[in-house]
Amino acid sequence: MKIHAAKSQPSVGATGADTPNYILETSLNEATPSTADEALYTGLEAVENDDNDLLWYPMHIRHSNPKKARRVRDELTRRGLTTYLRLKYHEAIVDDELRDIATPALNNLIFVHVQKKVIRHLKNTECDLTSLQFMTKPKRDRTDKTVIITVPEHAMNQFIQAEVLPDPYKQRVNVDYRKYIDLAGRRVKIIRGPFAGIEGEIKHIGGHRIIVVKLQNLGLATGIAYVKQQDMVLL
């Protein structure tokens, strides 16, 4: 899927790259029914109660680099899975033309919408996917059970939309998670404009009111600035 997005406003108390000003690949690679190889996964045994649930898994890519991250993404997409590889954009001269080039913002992190039994099977059998590892919550002590991190469907959809929706008014900013995590904020929903439907928390960062859309436990966030008071409602 490709999407048109306008260049973003310079980051407000933030870090991150601009969004491109013309059509480029988006971070979200959506699977289509025709690409799914259902027969491959038929009969896989479930070893845990949630093995058959279709969930968003953040996965670590060991010893990764930009090429490897893309290769992992492309192989997962070829297998009929929806993936989200966060991208950043920079200008570079290609074939004597100035272009916006997309590269992974985080080489070692990819999100996969999949059943646990399927991704376990793939990473145990496909050479390009053996570097994938589930991410787990930190343990408080040795007696704690290992808990694999998943992202709720609604939270993942909100985060993706905040990053890939067109941004004609240059409202999108990439906030530094560490700078806002302890700031108080109230949950709001944007009801008008290009980001209508997005939910997040209002944070005051560097004198600006930012609606922060975050993924809990992962330290990732995207901000939407310059939203008028009348264009949002409290939740």
Protein backbone atom coordinates (compact mmCIF):
# COMPACT_ATOMS: atom_id res chain seq x y z
CA MET A 1 0.00 0.00 0.00
CA LYS A 2 1.24 3.48 -0.81
CA ILE A 3 0.09 6.71 0.74
CA HIS A 4 0.57 10.40 0.07
CA ALA A 5 1.96 12.38 2.98
CA ALA A 6 3.18 15.97 3.34
CA LYS A 7 6.43 16.94 5.03
CA SER A 8 6.03 17.31 8.77
CA GLN A 9 6.59 20.32 11.01
CA PRO A 10 10.05 20.38 12.61
CA SER A 11 9.99 18.32 15.80
CA VAL A 12 8.79 20.18 18.89
CA GLY A 13 11.02 19.19 21.82
CA ALA A 14 11.42 16.05 19.81
CA THR A 15 13.62 13.84 17.74
CA GLY A 16 12.85 12.27 14.39
CA ALA A 17 12.83 12.69 10.63
CA ASP A 18 10.45 14.50 8.33
CA THR A 19 7.64 12.77 6.48
CA PRO A 20 8.09 12.76 2.67
CA ASN A 21 6.28 15.27 0.45
CA TYR A 22 5.32 12.83 -2.31
CA ILE A 23 4.19 9.25 -2.73
CA LEU A 24 6.49 6.75 -1.06
CA GLU A 25 6.19 3.37 0.58
CA THR A 26 4.38 3.41 3.89
CA SER A 27 5.47 1.66 7.07
CA LEU A 28 2.44 -0.66 6.93
CA ASN A 29 2.56 -3.69 4.61
CA GLU A 30 -0.91 -5.17 4.48
CA ALA A 31 -1.43 -8.81 3.59
CA THR A 32 -4.00 -9.80 1.01
CA PRO A 33 -5.90 -13.12 0.96
CA SER A 34 -4.18 -14.11 -2.28
CA THR A 35 -0.73 -13.96 -0.65
CA ALA A 36 -1.57 -16.09 2.37
CA ASP A 37 -0.35 -19.68 2.23
CA GLU A 38 -3.04 -21.23 4.42
CA ALA A 39 -2.03 -24.82 3.68
CA LEU A 40 1.43 -24.23 5.12
CA TYR A 41 0.03 -23.64 8.61
CA THR A 42 -2.77 -26.22 8.65
CA GLY A 43 -2.39 -28.70 11.49
CA LEU A 44 0.14 -26.76 13.54
CA GLU A 45 -0.33 -27.72 17.18
CA ALA A 46 -1.22 -25.07 19.74
CA VAL A 47 0.93 -25.32 22.86
CA GLU A 48 -0.59 -22.33 24.67
CA ASN A 49 -4.12 -21.00 24.96
CA ASP A 50 -3.42 -17.91 22.86
CA ASP A 51 -1.51 -19.66 20.06
CA ASN A 52 -4.51 -19.42 17.72
CA ASP A 53 -5.29 -15.74 18.47
CA LEU A 54 -4.47 -13.24 15.72
CA LEU A 55 -2.45 -10.59 17.57
CA TRP A 56 0.11 -7.83 16.99
CA TYR A 57 3.55 -9.02 18.16
CA PRO A 58 6.50 -6.62 18.39
CA MET A 59 9.51 -8.72 17.43
CA HIS A 60 13.22 -8.14 17.84
CA ILE A 61 15.47 -8.77 14.81
CA ARG A 62 18.88 -9.97 16.00
CA HIS A 63 22.03 -8.46 14.46
CA SER A 64 19.92 -6.31 12.17
CA ASN A 65 20.69 -3.54 9.69
CA PRO A 66 18.46 -1.66 7.19
CA LYS A 67 18.79 -4.32 4.47
CA LYS A 68 18.11 -7.17 6.85
CA ALA A 69 15.07 -5.41 8.35
CA ARG A 70 13.59 -4.96 4.88
CA ARG A 71 14.39 -8.55 3.95
CA VAL A 72 12.59 -9.83 7.03
CA ARG A 73 9.61 -7.59 6.30
CA ASP A 74 9.43 -8.68 2.66
CA GLU A 75 9.62 -12.37 3.57
CA LEU A 76 6.82 -11.99 6.13
CA THR A 77 4.71 -10.13 3.59
CA ARG A 78 5.38 -12.84 1.01
CA ARG A 79 4.06 -15.32 3.55
CA GLY A 80 0.76 -13.44 3.69
CA LEU A 81 1.31 -11.55 6.96
CA THR A 82 0.59 -7.90 7.73
CA THR A 83 3.69 -6.10 9.07
CA TYR A 84 4.60 -2.67 10.37
CA LEU A 85 8.23 -1.57 10.04
CA ARG A 86 8.60 1.99 11.27
CA LEU A 87 10.25 4.12 8.57
CA LYS A 88 12.06 7.44 8.48
CA TYR A 89 12.81 9.55 5.43
CA HIS A 90 15.78 11.54 4.25
CA GLU A 91 16.78 13.31 1.07
CA ALA A 92 19.44 11.76 -1.15
CA ILE A 93 20.62 12.10 -4.73
CA VAL A 94 19.66 9.04 -6.78
CA ASP A 95 20.33 8.93 -10.53
CA ASP A 96 21.15 12.66 -10.44
CA GLU A 97 17.76 13.44 -8.83
CA LEU A 98 17.02 14.62 -5.28
CA ARG A 99 14.62 12.11 -3.76
CA ASP A 100 13.15 11.24 -0.39
CA ILE A 101 14.45 7.83 0.64
CA ALA A 102 12.73 5.62 3.22
CA THR A 103 14.85 3.60 5.65
CA PRO A 104 13.89 1.72 8.81
CA ALA A 105 13.77 4.03 11.83
CA LEU A 106 14.51 1.03 14.06
CA ASN A 107 16.47 -1.73 12.34
CA ASN A 108 15.84 -4.28 15.07
CA LEU A 109 12.07 -3.95 15.61
CA ILE A 110 9.17 -5.09 13.45
CA PHE A 111 5.49 -5.61 14.29
CA VAL A 112 3.72 -8.68 12.90
CA HIS A 113 -0.04 -9.37 12.88
CA VAL A 114 -0.06 -13.12 13.24
CA GLN A 115 -0.96 -16.19 15.26
CA LYS A 116 1.78 -17.18 17.69
CA LYS A 117 1.92 -20.74 16.34
CA VAL A 118 2.45 -19.42 12.79
CA ILE A 119 5.31 -17.04 13.61
CA ARG A 120 6.96 -19.72 15.76
CA HIS A 121 6.78 -22.14 12.83
CA LEU A 122 8.22 -19.59 10.39
CA LYS A 123 11.11 -18.49 12.55
CA ASN A 124 12.05 -22.10 13.16
CA THR A 125 11.91 -23.14 9.50
CA GLU A 126 12.74 -20.13 7.30
CA CYS A 127 16.38 -19.02 7.17
CA ASP A 128 15.51 -15.35 6.63
CA LEU A 129 13.32 -15.35 9.75
CA THR A 130 15.45 -17.24 12.29
CA SER A 131 16.68 -13.91 13.69
CA LEU A 132 13.19 -13.01 14.93
CA GLN A 133 12.64 -13.08 18.68
CA PHE A 134 9.54 -12.40 20.76
CA MET A 135 9.82 -9.40 23.07
CA THR A 136 9.00 -10.05 26.73
CA LYS A 137 8.07 -7.94 29.72
CA PRO A 138 10.84 -7.37 32.30
CA LYS A 139 10.78 -9.82 35.21
CA ARG A 140 10.71 -8.53 38.79
CA ASP A 141 12.40 -11.71 40.08
CA ARG A 142 13.31 -15.23 39.01
CA THR A 143 9.91 -16.63 39.94
CA ASP A 144 8.06 -14.43 37.44
CA LYS A 145 6.67 -16.17 34.37
CA THR A 146 7.93 -14.99 30.98
CA VAL A 147 5.22 -12.86 29.36
CA ILE A 148 5.41 -12.17 25.63
CA ILE A 149 4.47 -8.60 24.75
CA THR A 150 1.50 -8.06 22.45
CA VAL A 151 -0.09 -4.79 21.37
CA PRO A 152 -3.89 -4.45 21.54
CA GLU A 153 -5.52 -4.12 18.12
CA HIS A 154 -7.02 -0.70 18.85
CA ALA A 155 -3.73 0.73 20.16
CA MET A 156 -1.77 -0.58 17.16
CA ASN A 157 -4.30 0.76 14.67
CA GLN A 158 -4.22 4.20 16.33
CA PHE A 159 -0.41 4.29 16.31
CA ILE A 160 -0.20 3.26 12.65
CA GLN A 161 -2.83 5.77 11.56
CA ALA A 162 -1.07 8.58 13.45
CA GLU A 163 2.10 7.81 11.47
CA VAL A 164 0.80 7.07 7.97
CA LEU A 165 -2.24 9.32 7.47
CA PRO A 166 -1.67 12.25 5.06
CA ASP A 167 -0.45 15.35 6.91
CA PRO A 168 -1.32 18.36 4.69
CA TYR A 169 -1.11 20.89 7.55
CA LYS A 170 2.26 19.68 8.89
CA GLN A 171 0.92 18.65 12.29
CA ARG A 172 2.84 15.41 12.80
CA VAL A 173 5.86 15.53 15.13
CA ASN A 174 8.03 12.73 16.52
CA VAL A 175 8.20 13.16 20.27
CA ASP A 176 10.97 11.87 22.49
CA TYR A 177 9.28 9.29 24.73
CA ARG A 178 11.60 10.03 27.67
CA LYS A 179 10.69 13.72 27.74
CA TYR A 180 6.95 13.27 28.17
CA ILE A 181 6.48 9.94 29.96
CA ASP A 182 6.05 11.51 33.42
CA LEU A 183 3.95 14.46 32.27
CA ALA A 184 0.29 14.47 33.25
CA GLY A 185 -2.17 14.24 30.37
CA ARG A 186 -5.84 13.68 29.60
CA ARG A 187 -7.09 11.33 26.88
CA VAL A 188 -8.70 13.05 23.90
CA LYS A 189 -10.03 12.17 20.46
CA ILE A 190 -9.54 14.32 17.38
CA ILE A 191 -12.92 14.83 15.70
CA ARG A 192 -12.05 17.06 12.73
CA GLY A 193 -9.21 17.43 10.26
CA PRO A 194 -6.91 14.90 8.57
CA PHE A 195 -6.29 13.06 11.86
CA ALA A 196 -9.98 12.72 12.80
CA GLY A 197 -10.57 9.55 14.80
CA ILE A 198 -7.10 9.45 16.37
CA GLU A 199 -7.00 9.11 20.17
CA GLY A 200 -4.13 10.06 22.45
CA GLU A 201 -3.03 12.00 25.52
CA ILE A 202 -2.57 15.76 25.62
CA LYS A 203 0.95 16.63 26.79
CA HIS A 204 2.54 20.07 27.07
CA ILE A 205 6.03 19.79 25.59
CA GLY A 206 8.29 22.79 24.95
CA GLY A 207 5.37 25.20 25.26
CA HIS A 208 3.29 23.31 22.70
CA ARG A 209 0.16 21.23 23.23
CA ILE A 210 0.81 17.84 21.66
CA ILE A 211 -1.57 14.90 21.30
CA VAL A 212 0.69 11.92 21.97
CA VAL A 213 -0.15 8.50 20.54
CA LYS A 214 2.00 5.86 22.21
CA LEU A 215 2.65 2.15 22.41
CA GLN A 216 2.90 1.23 26.06
CA ASN A 217 5.83 -0.98 27.18
CA LEU A 218 7.77 -0.19 23.99
CA GLY A 219 8.82 3.44 24.42
CA LEU A 220 7.43 4.50 21.04
CA ALA A 221 5.31 7.56 20.40
CA THR A 222 4.12 9.91 17.67
CA GLY A 223 2.79 13.40 18.31
CA ILE A 224 0.16 15.51 16.57
CA ALA A 225 0.49 19.26 17.18
CA TYR A 226 -1.49 22.40 16.32
CA VAL A 227 -4.91 20.75 16.83
CA LYS A 228 -7.50 23.37 17.75
CA GLN A 229 -9.46 22.94 20.98
CA GLN A 230 -12.75 22.73 19.05
CA ASP A 231 -11.35 19.90 16.92
CA MET A 232 -10.95 17.50 19.87
CA VAL A 233 -13.09 16.05 22.65
CA LEU A 234 -12.16 14.63 26.04
CA LEU A 235 -12.60 10.87 26.52
